[in-house]
């Protein structure tokens, strides 16, 4: 009979013992707690630390080792995952920790420049570094069917070494050796999300005072946004090829001609157009520069100036 400790599991097909990587997690907010529960549920020995110790109590009951300090938590394992409030919090947490020989995986939201600087900082303290951008909310963690995933960037060898363990809470998407790329992908996608939210907010505002049930309107709005989403592929192709008139269905000149209708509708409905007016202004600028036969891709270049 083969027995296993908390850090091993038995493969029923091969009758071999599979070692589960032990790791440390610093930060037990909503996301950190979700990550911790996913690793514990999968049988990974886990050491945790949080600035407010009370948050660790439930995880201790679930099998986690609770460290007295961040330095103690870091010392416990070679793989250290960080899920803190911000980049400054990381400095505070690791001030007294020995990082020599550690692999740091930073899931704290940061900018690309901060990620690159943090990688150099970690290397200077004897650690290897991966940066991550979480494309999920806490309820999606540990549920593969929910579709959440994490962008990772940094040394490919480090990512491959820990790919299985990092893939337990959510899917993994490696985006390159440049350490800043995970944060850049994260912020770029979230920026697009907030742009969508802005458009949806304006749409709901337009109907707010009418005899239109928002719950009936919502499926129409969602379906329309889904139908329009593939347009990003045309934008990408035009940016890559450099010809902004290729594949155009709705000329910029025609779209700009419709702008006054959108603005008058907002005025007549008593809605402030501040969420959409800046985009319309960019469209008009591009048209004035001679982009009448383009679609909307030229707006990207205006934003880069």
C-alpha atoms as a PDB file:
ATOM      1  CA  UNK A   1       0.000   0.000   0.000  1.00  0.00           C
ATOM      2  CA  UNK A   2       1.324   3.439  -0.969  1.00  0.00           C
ATOM      3  CA  UNK A   3       0.624   6.353   1.306  1.00  0.00           C
ATOM      4  CA  UNK A   4       1.203   9.992   0.543  1.00  0.00           C
ATOM      5  CA  UNK A   5       1.890  13.144   2.525  1.00  0.00           C
ATOM      6  CA  UNK A   6      -0.124  16.358   1.979  1.00  0.00           C
ATOM      7  CA  UNK A   7       2.266  17.352  -0.799  1.00  0.00           C
ATOM      8  CA  UNK A   8       1.801  14.243  -2.954  1.00  0.00           C
ATOM      9  CA  UNK A   9      -0.993  12.568  -4.859  1.00  0.00           C
ATOM     10  CA  UNK A  10      -1.416   9.107  -6.306  1.00  0.00           C
ATOM     11  CA  UNK A  11      -1.876   8.716 -10.060  1.00  0.00           C
ATOM     12  CA  UNK A  12      -4.440   5.882 -10.225  1.00  0.00           C
ATOM     13  CA  UNK A  13      -3.458   4.916 -13.770  1.00  0.00           C
ATOM     14  CA  UNK A  14       0.300   4.542 -13.247  1.00  0.00           C
ATOM     15  CA  UNK A  15       0.430   3.969  -9.477  1.00  0.00           C
ATOM     16  CA  UNK A  16       3.160   6.587  -9.187  1.00  0.00           C
ATOM     17  CA  UNK A  17       3.328   9.338  -6.635  1.00  0.00           C
ATOM     18  CA  UNK A  18       3.069  12.841  -8.131  1.00  0.00           C
ATOM     19  CA  UNK A  19       4.725  15.545  -6.049  1.00  0.00           C
ATOM     20  CA  UNK A  20       2.691  18.723  -5.689  1.00  0.00           C
ATOM     21  CA  UNK A  21       4.791  21.878  -5.683  1.00  0.00           C
ATOM     22  CA  UNK A  22       4.777  23.748  -2.407  1.00  0.00           C
ATOM     23  CA  UNK A  23       4.518  27.512  -2.625  1.00  0.00           C
ATOM     24  CA  UNK A  24       4.071  30.725  -0.688  1.00  0.00           C
ATOM     25  CA  UNK A  25       1.356  33.317  -1.231  1.00  0.00           C
ATOM     26  CA  UNK A  26       1.611  36.862   0.103  1.00  0.00           C
ATOM     27  CA  UNK A  27      -1.668  38.798   0.158  1.00  0.00           C
ATOM     28  CA  UNK A  28      -5.082  37.492   1.137  1.00  0.00           C
ATOM     29  CA  UNK A  29      -7.557  39.960  -0.255  1.00  0.00           C
ATOM     30  CA  UNK A  30     -10.507  38.627  -2.235  1.00  0.00           C
ATOM     31  CA  UNK A  31      -8.294  37.517  -5.136  1.00  0.00           C
ATOM     32  CA  UNK A  32      -5.485  36.198  -2.962  1.00  0.00           C
ATOM     33  CA  UNK A  33      -7.903  34.151  -0.882  1.00  0.00           C
ATOM     34  CA  UNK A  34      -9.454  32.664  -4.027  1.00  0.00           C
ATOM     35  CA  UNK A  35      -5.998  31.725  -5.324  1.00  0.00           C
ATOM     36  CA  UNK A  36      -5.098  30.149  -1.980  1.00  0.00           C
ATOM     37  CA  UNK A  37      -8.238  28.035  -1.883  1.00  0.00           C
ATOM     38  CA  UNK A  38      -7.620  26.778  -5.415  1.00  0.00           C
ATOM     39  CA  UNK A  39      -4.080  25.647  -4.613  1.00  0.00           C
ATOM     40  CA  UNK A  40      -5.159  24.035  -1.356  1.00  0.00           C
ATOM     41  CA  UNK A  41      -8.031  22.215  -3.060  1.00  0.00           C
ATOM     42  CA  UNK A  42      -5.573  20.843  -5.608  1.00  0.00           C
ATOM     43  CA  UNK A  43      -3.301  19.509  -2.849  1.00  0.00           C
ATOM     44  CA  UNK A  44      -0.456  21.991  -3.027  1.00  0.00           C
ATOM     45  CA  UNK A  45       1.249  22.666   0.329  1.00  0.00           C
ATOM     46  CA  UNK A  46       0.750  26.372   0.865  1.00  0.00           C
ATOM     47  CA  UNK A  47       2.267  28.940   3.197  1.00  0.00           C
ATOM     48  CA  UNK A  48       0.381  32.225   3.431  1.00  0.00           C
ATOM     49  CA  UNK A  49       0.927  35.655   4.909  1.00  0.00           C
ATOM     50  CA  UNK A  50      -1.258  38.717   5.108  1.00  0.00           C
ATOM     51  CA  UNK A  51      -0.679  42.073   6.738  1.00  0.00           C
ATOM     52  CA  UNK A  52      -3.979  41.561   8.600  1.00  0.00           C
ATOM     53  CA  UNK A  53      -3.514  38.089  10.175  1.00  0.00           C
ATOM     54  CA  UNK A  54      -7.232  37.509  10.810  1.00  0.00           C
ATOM     55  CA  UNK A  55      -7.802  36.947   7.100  1.00  0.00           C
ATOM     56  CA  UNK A  56      -5.614  33.857   7.238  1.00  0.00           C
ATOM     57  CA  UNK A  57      -7.654  32.015   9.871  1.00  0.00           C
ATOM     58  CA  UNK A  58     -10.056  30.309   7.456  1.00  0.00           C
ATOM     59  CA  UNK A  59      -7.175  29.222   5.238  1.00  0.00           C
ATOM     60  CA  UNK A  60      -5.389  27.727   8.241  1.00  0.00           C
ATOM     61  CA  UNK A  61      -8.484  25.620   8.837  1.00  0.00           C
ATOM     62  CA  UNK A  62      -8.270  24.527   5.181  1.00  0.00           C
ATOM     63  CA  UNK A  63      -4.687  23.341   5.607  1.00  0.00           C
ATOM     64  CA  UNK A  64      -2.504  26.354   4.904  1.00  0.00           C
ATOM     65  CA  UNK A  65       0.498  27.182   7.037  1.00  0.00           C
ATOM     66  CA  UNK A  66       0.221  30.765   8.281  1.00  0.00           C
ATOM     67  CA  UNK A  67       3.559  32.538   8.561  1.00  0.00           C
ATOM     68  CA  UNK A  68       4.232  35.089  11.265  1.00  0.00           C
ATOM     69  CA  UNK A  69       5.938  37.454   8.834  1.00  0.00           C
ATOM     70  CA  UNK A  70       6.399  37.958   5.133  1.00  0.00           C
ATOM     71  CA  UNK A  71      10.087  37.082   5.505  1.00  0.00           C
ATOM     72  CA  UNK A  72       9.153  33.801   7.197  1.00  0.00           C
ATOM     73  CA  UNK A  73       6.671  33.024   4.425  1.00  0.00           C
ATOM     74  CA  UNK A  74       9.253  33.715   1.712  1.00  0.00           C
ATOM     75  CA  UNK A  75      11.804  31.503   3.447  1.00  0.00           C
ATOM     76  CA  UNK A  76       9.382  28.569   3.451  1.00  0.00           C
ATOM     77  CA  UNK A  77       9.341  27.892  -0.310  1.00  0.00           C
ATOM     78  CA  UNK A  78      11.202  28.480  -3.525  1.00  0.00           C
ATOM     79  CA  UNK A  79       8.089  29.643  -5.390  1.00  0.00           C
ATOM     80  CA  UNK A  80       6.611  32.861  -3.993  1.00  0.00           C
ATOM     81  CA  UNK A  81       3.433  34.383  -5.422  1.00  0.00           C
ATOM     82  CA  UNK A  82       2.555  37.996  -4.652  1.00  0.00           C
ATOM     83  CA  UNK A  83      -1.013  39.291  -4.778  1.00  0.00           C
ATOM     84  CA  UNK A  84      -0.842  42.603  -2.936  1.00  0.00           C
ATOM     85  CA  UNK A  85      -2.580  45.965  -3.149  1.00  0.00           C
ATOM     86  CA  UNK A  86      -0.058  47.766  -5.347  1.00  0.00           C
ATOM     87  CA  UNK A  87       3.609  47.973  -6.263  1.00  0.00           C
ATOM     88  CA  UNK A  88       4.465  50.011  -3.159  1.00  0.00           C
ATOM     89  CA  UNK A  89       2.943  47.285  -0.956  1.00  0.00           C
ATOM     90  CA  UNK A  90       5.419  44.815  -2.393  1.00  0.00           C
ATOM     91  CA  UNK A  91       8.363  46.902  -1.199  1.00  0.00           C
ATOM     92  CA  UNK A  92       6.903  47.000   2.286  1.00  0.00           C
ATOM     93  CA  UNK A  93       6.149  43.288   2.418  1.00  0.00           C
ATOM     94  CA  UNK A  94       9.543  42.112   1.160  1.00  0.00           C
ATOM     95  CA  UNK A  95      11.724  44.672   2.909  1.00  0.00           C
ATOM     96  CA  UNK A  96      13.220  42.131   5.300  1.00  0.00           C
ATOM     97  CA  UNK A  97      13.001  38.992   3.170  1.00  0.00           C
ATOM     98  CA  UNK A  98      15.945  37.054   1.738  1.00  0.00           C
ATOM     99  CA  UNK A  99      15.082  36.535  -1.928  1.00  0.00           C
ATOM    100  CA  UNK A 100      18.224  34.649  -2.893  1.00  0.00           C
ATOM    101  CA  UNK A 101      17.300  31.692  -5.101  1.00  0.00           C
ATOM    102  CA  UNK A 102      13.575  32.461  -5.018  1.00  0.00           C
ATOM    103  CA  UNK A 103      11.191  32.551  -7.962  1.00  0.00           C
ATOM    104  CA  UNK A 104       8.870  35.528  -7.550  1.00  0.00           C
ATOM    105  CA  UNK A 105       5.576  35.581  -9.445  1.00  0.00           C
ATOM    106  CA  UNK A 106       3.968  38.983  -9.082  1.00  0.00           C
ATOM    107  CA  UNK A 107       0.197  39.062  -9.653  1.00  0.00           C
ATOM    108  CA  UNK A 108      -0.123  42.546  -8.154  1.00  0.00           C
ATOM    109  CA  UNK A 109      -1.639  45.021 -10.607  1.00  0.00           C
ATOM    110  CA  UNK A 110       1.060  47.329 -11.928  1.00  0.00           C
ATOM    111  CA  UNK A 111       2.170  49.238 -15.013  1.00  0.00           C
ATOM    112  CA  UNK A 112       4.533  47.771 -17.634  1.00  0.00           C
ATOM    113  CA  UNK A 113       7.312  50.113 -16.472  1.00  0.00           C
ATOM    114  CA  UNK A 114       6.804  49.065 -12.854  1.00  0.00           C
ATOM    115  CA  UNK A 115       6.979  45.392 -13.866  1.00  0.00           C
ATOM    116  CA  UNK A 116      10.263  45.918 -15.712  1.00  0.00           C
ATOM    117  CA  UNK A 117      11.729  47.839 -12.796  1.00  0.00           C
ATOM    118  CA  UNK A 118      10.551  45.159 -10.377  1.00  0.00           C
ATOM    119  CA  UNK A 119      12.223  42.452 -12.462  1.00  0.00           C
ATOM    120  CA  UNK A 120      15.552  44.294 -12.262  1.00  0.00           C
ATOM    121  CA  UNK A 121      15.003  44.813  -8.520  1.00  0.00           C
ATOM    122  CA  UNK A 122      14.363  41.089  -8.002  1.00  0.00           C
ATOM    123  CA  UNK A 123      17.396  40.092 -10.053  1.00  0.00           C
ATOM    124  CA  UNK A 124      19.515  42.420  -7.943  1.00  0.00           C
ATOM    125  CA  UNK A 125      18.365  40.539  -4.859  1.00  0.00           C
ATOM    126  CA  UNK A 126      19.155  37.121  -6.299  1.00  0.00           C
ATOM    127  CA  UNK A 127      15.650  36.128  -7.440  1.00  0.00           C
ATOM    128  CA  UNK A 128      14.063  35.180 -10.741  1.00  0.00           C
ATOM    129  CA  UNK A 129      10.908  37.095 -11.634  1.00  0.00           C
ATOM    130  CA  UNK A 130       7.687  36.587 -13.569  1.00  0.00           C
ATOM    131  CA  UNK A 131       4.990  39.212 -13.874  1.00  0.00           C
ATOM    132  CA  UNK A 132       1.309  38.365 -14.208  1.00  0.00           C
ATOM    133  CA  UNK A 133      -1.935  40.059 -15.137  1.00  0.00           C
ATOM    134  CA  UNK A 134      -5.115  38.372 -13.903  1.00  0.00           C
ATOM    135  CA  UNK A 135      -7.984  38.361 -16.398  1.00  0.00           C
ATOM    136  CA  UNK A 136     -10.596  37.128 -13.955  1.00  0.00           C
ATOM    137  CA  UNK A 137     -12.591  38.104 -10.890  1.00  0.00           C
ATOM    138  CA  UNK A 138     -12.354  36.061  -7.666  1.00  0.00           C
ATOM    139  CA  UNK A 139     -15.439  33.860  -8.320  1.00  0.00           C
ATOM    140  CA  UNK A 140     -13.801  32.653 -11.569  1.00  0.00           C
ATOM    141  CA  UNK A 141     -10.683  31.378  -9.789  1.00  0.00           C
ATOM    142  CA  UNK A 142     -10.498  27.594  -9.431  1.00  0.00           C
ATOM    143  CA  UNK A 143     -13.307  27.134 -11.961  1.00  0.00           C
ATOM    144  CA  UNK A 144     -11.840  26.243 -15.384  1.00  0.00           C
ATOM    145  CA  UNK A 145     -15.253  26.475 -17.016  1.00  0.00           C
ATOM    146  CA  UNK A 146     -15.463  30.155 -16.050  1.00  0.00           C
ATOM    147  CA  UNK A 147     -12.811  31.062 -18.614  1.00  0.00           C
ATOM    148  CA  UNK A 148     -10.502  33.109 -16.404  1.00  0.00           C
ATOM    149  CA  UNK A 149      -6.795  33.190 -17.146  1.00  0.00           C
ATOM    150  CA  UNK A 150      -3.589  34.989 -16.247  1.00  0.00           C
ATOM    151  CA  UNK A 151      -1.102  36.680 -18.572  1.00  0.00           C
ATOM    152  CA  UNK A 152       2.528  35.886 -17.730  1.00  0.00           C
ATOM    153  CA  UNK A 153       5.722  37.524 -18.971  1.00  0.00           C
ATOM    154  CA  UNK A 154       9.373  37.208 -18.153  1.00  0.00           C
ATOM    155  CA  UNK A 155      11.930  34.397 -18.591  1.00  0.00           C
ATOM    156  CA  UNK A 156      10.286  31.571 -20.522  1.00  0.00           C
ATOM    157  CA  UNK A 157      12.251  28.923 -18.619  1.00  0.00           C
ATOM    158  CA  UNK A 158      10.834  30.131 -15.299  1.00  0.00           C
ATOM    159  CA  UNK A 159       7.310  30.120 -16.677  1.00  0.00           C
ATOM    160  CA  UNK A 160       7.673  26.593 -18.062  1.00  0.00           C
ATOM    161  CA  UNK A 161       9.105  25.335 -14.781  1.00  0.00           C
ATOM    162  CA  UNK A 162       6.029  26.516 -12.873  1.00  0.00           C
ATOM    163  CA  UNK A 163       3.390  26.324 -15.601  1.00  0.00           C
ATOM    164  CA  UNK A 164       1.450  23.464 -14.028  1.00  0.00           C
ATOM    165  CA  UNK A 165       1.303  25.014 -10.575  1.00  0.00           C
ATOM    166  CA  UNK A 166       0.411  28.461 -11.911  1.00  0.00           C
ATOM    167  CA  UNK A 167      -2.311  26.896 -14.038  1.00  0.00           C
ATOM    168  CA  UNK A 168      -4.198  25.479 -11.048  1.00  0.00           C
ATOM    169  CA  UNK A 169      -6.224  28.611 -10.143  1.00  0.00           C
ATOM    170  CA  UNK A 170      -6.772  29.768 -13.748  1.00  0.00           C
ATOM    171  CA  UNK A 171      -5.513  29.256 -17.277  1.00  0.00           C
ATOM    172  CA  UNK A 172      -2.110  30.583 -18.261  1.00  0.00           C
ATOM    173  CA  UNK A 173      -1.210  32.691 -21.314  1.00  0.00           C
ATOM    174  CA  UNK A 174       2.470  33.448 -21.815  1.00  0.00           C
ATOM    175  CA  UNK A 175       3.004  36.712 -23.739  1.00  0.00           C
ATOM    176  CA  UNK A 176       6.769  37.088 -23.957  1.00  0.00           C
ATOM    177  CA  UNK A 177      10.192  37.528 -22.411  1.00  0.00           C
ATOM    178  CA  UNK A 178       9.644  41.276 -21.953  1.00  0.00           C
ATOM    179  CA  UNK A 179       8.567  41.430 -18.320  1.00  0.00           C
ATOM    180  CA  UNK A 180       6.252  44.375 -18.963  1.00  0.00           C
ATOM    181  CA  UNK A 181       4.092  42.571 -21.504  1.00  0.00           C
ATOM    182  CA  UNK A 182       1.747  40.868 -18.995  1.00  0.00           C
ATOM    183  CA  UNK A 183       0.824  44.194 -17.411  1.00  0.00           C
ATOM    184  CA  UNK A 184       0.511  45.808 -20.835  1.00  0.00           C
ATOM    185  CA  UNK A 185      -1.855  43.107 -22.114  1.00  0.00           C
ATOM    186  CA  UNK A 186      -3.823  43.272 -18.873  1.00  0.00           C
ATOM    187  CA  UNK A 187      -4.327  47.046 -18.975  1.00  0.00           C
ATOM    188  CA  UNK A 188      -4.995  47.082 -22.724  1.00  0.00           C
ATOM    189  CA  UNK A 189      -7.806  44.535 -22.424  1.00  0.00           C
ATOM    190  CA  UNK A 190      -9.266  46.180 -19.335  1.00  0.00           C
ATOM    191  CA  UNK A 191      -9.143  49.567 -21.066  1.00  0.00           C
ATOM    192  CA  UNK A 192     -11.215  48.136 -23.898  1.00  0.00           C
ATOM    193  CA  UNK A 193     -13.610  46.709 -21.318  1.00  0.00           C
ATOM    194  CA  UNK A 194     -14.104  50.095 -19.676  1.00  0.00           C
ATOM    195  CA  UNK A 195     -14.666  51.659 -23.079  1.00  0.00           C
ATOM    196  CA  UNK A 196     -17.419  49.112 -23.647  1.00  0.00           C
ATOM    197  CA  UNK A 197     -18.864  49.863 -20.216  1.00  0.00           C
ATOM    198  CA  UNK A 198     -18.868  53.577 -21.101  1.00  0.00           C
ATOM    199  CA  UNK A 199     -20.815  52.943 -24.283  1.00  0.00           C
ATOM    200  CA  UNK A 200     -23.269  50.707 -22.458  1.00  0.00           C
ATOM    201  CA  UNK A 201     -23.758  53.340 -19.743  1.00  0.00           C
ATOM    202  CA  UNK A 202     -24.560  55.949 -22.416  1.00  0.00           C
ATOM    203  CA  UNK A 203     -27.011  53.565 -24.089  1.00  0.00           C
ATOM    204  CA  UNK A 204     -28.855  52.890 -20.824  1.00  0.00           C
ATOM    205  CA  UNK A 205     -28.910  56.606 -20.053  1.00  0.00           C
ATOM    206  CA  UNK A 206     -30.633  57.303 -23.371  1.00  0.00           C
ATOM    207  CA  UNK A 207     -33.525  54.971 -22.549  1.00  0.00           C
ATOM    208  CA  UNK A 208     -33.598  55.628 -18.806  1.00  0.00           C
ATOM    209  CA  UNK A 209     -36.574  58.013 -18.759  1.00  0.00           C
ATOM    210  CA  UNK A 210     -38.605  56.198 -21.415  1.00  0.00           C
ATOM    211  CA  UNK A 211     -41.129  53.400 -21.113  1.00  0.00           C
ATOM    212  CA  UNK A 212     -38.456  50.836 -21.982  1.00  0.00           C
ATOM    213  CA  UNK A 213     -37.624  48.046 -19.578  1.00  0.00           C
ATOM    214  CA  UNK A 214     -33.806  47.915 -19.147  1.00  0.00           C
ATOM    215  CA  UNK A 215     -34.006  44.143 -18.686  1.00  0.00           C
ATOM    216  CA  UNK A 216     -35.650  43.837 -22.094  1.00  0.00           C
ATOM    217  CA  UNK A 217     -33.185  46.262 -23.669  1.00  0.00           C
ATOM    218  CA  UNK A 218     -30.115  44.537 -22.194  1.00  0.00           C
ATOM    219  CA  UNK A 219     -30.186  41.407 -24.409  1.00  0.00           C
ATOM    220  CA  UNK A 220     -30.420  43.618 -27.494  1.00  0.00           C
ATOM    221  CA  UNK A 221     -27.421  45.605 -26.307  1.00  0.00           C
ATOM    222  CA  UNK A 222     -25.377  42.530 -25.432  1.00  0.00           C
ATOM    223  CA  UNK A 223     -26.086  40.859 -28.771  1.00  0.00           C
ATOM    224  CA  UNK A 224     -25.145  44.023 -30.660  1.00  0.00           C
ATOM    225  CA  UNK A 225     -21.835  44.350 -28.796  1.00  0.00           C
ATOM    226  CA  UNK A 226     -21.047  40.700 -29.536  1.00  0.00           C
ATOM    227  CA  UNK A 227     -21.859  41.252 -33.217  1.00  0.00           C
ATOM    228  CA  UNK A 228     -19.538  44.268 -33.382  1.00  0.00           C
ATOM    229  CA  UNK A 229     -16.635  42.717 -31.446  1.00  0.00           C
ATOM    230  CA  UNK A 230     -15.047  40.962 -34.470  1.00  0.00           C
ATOM    231  CA  UNK A 231     -14.336  44.384 -35.963  1.00  0.00           C
ATOM    232  CA  UNK A 232     -11.153  44.381 -33.887  1.00  0.00           C
ATOM    233  CA  UNK A 233      -9.709  41.877 -36.363  1.00  0.00           C
ATOM    234  CA  UNK A 234     -10.129  44.357 -39.220  1.00  0.00           C
ATOM    235  CA  UNK A 235      -8.492  47.067 -37.120  1.00  0.00           C
ATOM    236  CA  UNK A 236      -5.566  44.761 -36.339  1.00  0.00           C
ATOM    237  CA  UNK A 237      -5.141  43.788 -39.984  1.00  0.00           C
ATOM    238  CA  UNK A 238      -5.174  47.434 -41.093  1.00  0.00           C
ATOM    239  CA  UNK A 239      -2.651  48.428 -38.413  1.00  0.00           C
ATOM    240  CA  UNK A 240      -0.412  45.540 -39.412  1.00  0.00           C
ATOM    241  CA  UNK A 241      -0.678  46.168 -43.152  1.00  0.00           C
ATOM    242  CA  UNK A 242      -0.687  49.954 -43.042  1.00  0.00           C
ATOM    243  CA  UNK A 243      -3.637  50.357 -45.428  1.00  0.00           C
ATOM    244  CA  UNK A 244      -6.552  51.786 -43.448  1.00  0.00           C
ATOM    245  CA  UNK A 245      -8.883  51.701 -46.465  1.00  0.00           C
ATOM    246  CA  UNK A 246      -8.630  47.944 -47.009  1.00  0.00           C
ATOM    247  CA  UNK A 247     -11.799  46.012 -46.185  1.00  0.00           C
ATOM    248  CA  UNK A 248     -13.739  49.124 -45.153  1.00  0.00           C
ATOM    249  CA  UNK A 249     -17.499  48.670 -44.937  1.00  0.00           C
ATOM    250  CA  UNK A 250     -18.519  51.985 -43.376  1.00  0.00           C
ATOM    251  CA  UNK A 251     -16.420  54.931 -44.583  1.00  0.00           C
ATOM    252  CA  UNK A 252     -15.316  57.427 -41.972  1.00  0.00           C
ATOM    253  CA  UNK A 253     -16.973  60.246 -43.925  1.00  0.00           C
ATOM    254  CA  UNK A 254     -20.320  58.474 -43.658  1.00  0.00           C
ATOM    255  CA  UNK A 255     -19.888  57.732 -39.962  1.00  0.00           C
ATOM    256  CA  UNK A 256     -18.941  61.314 -39.128  1.00  0.00           C
ATOM    257  CA  UNK A 257     -22.013  62.524 -41.021  1.00  0.00           C
ATOM    258  CA  UNK A 258     -24.116  60.664 -38.474  1.00  0.00           C
ATOM    259  CA  UNK A 259     -22.451  62.176 -35.420  1.00  0.00           C
ATOM    260  CA  UNK A 260     -24.831  65.180 -35.117  1.00  0.00           C
ATOM    261  CA  UNK A 261     -27.757  62.771 -34.819  1.00  0.00           C
ATOM    262  CA  UNK A 262     -26.127  61.000 -31.877  1.00  0.00           C
ATOM    263  CA  UNK A 263     -25.376  64.286 -30.146  1.00  0.00           C
ATOM    264  CA  UNK A 264     -28.844  65.738 -30.767  1.00  0.00           C
ATOM    265  CA  UNK A 265     -30.441  62.548 -29.456  1.00  0.00           C
ATOM    266  CA  UNK A 266     -28.408  62.800 -26.269  1.00  0.00           C
ATOM    267  CA  UNK A 267     -29.419  66.442 -25.848  1.00  0.00           C
ATOM    268  CA  UNK A 268     -33.099  65.703 -26.443  1.00  0.00           C
ATOM    269  CA  UNK A 269     -32.997  62.781 -23.998  1.00  0.00           C
ATOM    270  CA  UNK A 270     -31.308  64.935 -21.355  1.00  0.00           C
ATOM    271  CA  UNK A 271     -28.116  62.871 -21.436  1.00  0.00           C
ATOM    272  CA  UNK A 272     -24.620  64.286 -21.048  1.00  0.00           C
ATOM    273  CA  UNK A 273     -22.556  63.095 -24.075  1.00  0.00           C
ATOM    274  CA  UNK A 274     -19.247  63.200 -22.177  1.00  0.00           C
ATOM    275  CA  UNK A 275     -18.666  59.451 -22.571  1.00  0.00           C
ATOM    276  CA  UNK A 276     -18.875  59.469 -26.371  1.00  0.00           C
ATOM    277  CA  UNK A 277     -18.126  63.060 -27.427  1.00  0.00           C
ATOM    278  CA  UNK A 278     -14.303  62.666 -27.179  1.00  0.00           C
ATOM    279  CA  UNK A 279     -14.378  59.727 -29.583  1.00  0.00           C
ATOM    280  CA  UNK A 280     -16.546  61.650 -32.012  1.00  0.00           C
ATOM    281  CA  UNK A 281     -14.044  64.521 -31.815  1.00  0.00           C
ATOM    282  CA  UNK A 282     -11.236  62.171 -32.815  1.00  0.00           C
ATOM    283  CA  UNK A 283     -13.282  60.859 -35.723  1.00  0.00           C
ATOM    284  CA  UNK A 284     -13.780  64.398 -36.972  1.00  0.00           C
ATOM    285  CA  UNK A 285     -10.069  65.167 -36.644  1.00  0.00           C
ATOM    286  CA  UNK A 286      -9.160  62.101 -38.690  1.00  0.00           C
ATOM    287  CA  UNK A 287     -11.674  63.066 -41.358  1.00  0.00           C
ATOM    288  CA  UNK A 288     -10.243  66.584 -41.512  1.00  0.00           C
ATOM    289  CA  UNK A 289      -6.813  65.080 -42.149  1.00  0.00           C
ATOM    290  CA  UNK A 290      -8.091  63.242 -45.216  1.00  0.00           C
ATOM    291  CA  UNK A 291      -9.201  59.908 -43.847  1.00  0.00           C
ATOM    292  CA  UNK A 292     -12.640  59.931 -45.449  1.00  0.00           C
ATOM    293  CA  UNK A 293     -12.184  56.517 -47.128  1.00  0.00           C
ATOM    294  CA  UNK A 294     -10.880  54.820 -43.981  1.00  0.00           C
ATOM    295  CA  UNK A 295     -12.863  53.105 -41.254  1.00  0.00           C
ATOM    296  CA  UNK A 296     -11.976  54.051 -37.636  1.00  0.00           C
ATOM    297  CA  UNK A 297      -8.444  52.669 -37.438  1.00  0.00           C
ATOM    298  CA  UNK A 298      -6.853  56.083 -37.929  1.00  0.00           C
ATOM    299  CA  UNK A 299      -8.077  57.111 -34.487  1.00  0.00           C
ATOM    300  CA  UNK A 300      -5.390  54.818 -33.051  1.00  0.00           C
ATOM    301  CA  UNK A 301      -2.691  56.984 -34.606  1.00  0.00           C
ATOM    302  CA  UNK A 302      -4.270  60.145 -33.251  1.00  0.00           C
ATOM    303  CA  UNK A 303      -4.070  58.693 -29.755  1.00  0.00           C
ATOM    304  CA  UNK A 304      -0.363  57.960 -30.251  1.00  0.00           C
ATOM    305  CA  UNK A 305       0.491  61.631 -30.927  1.00  0.00           C
END
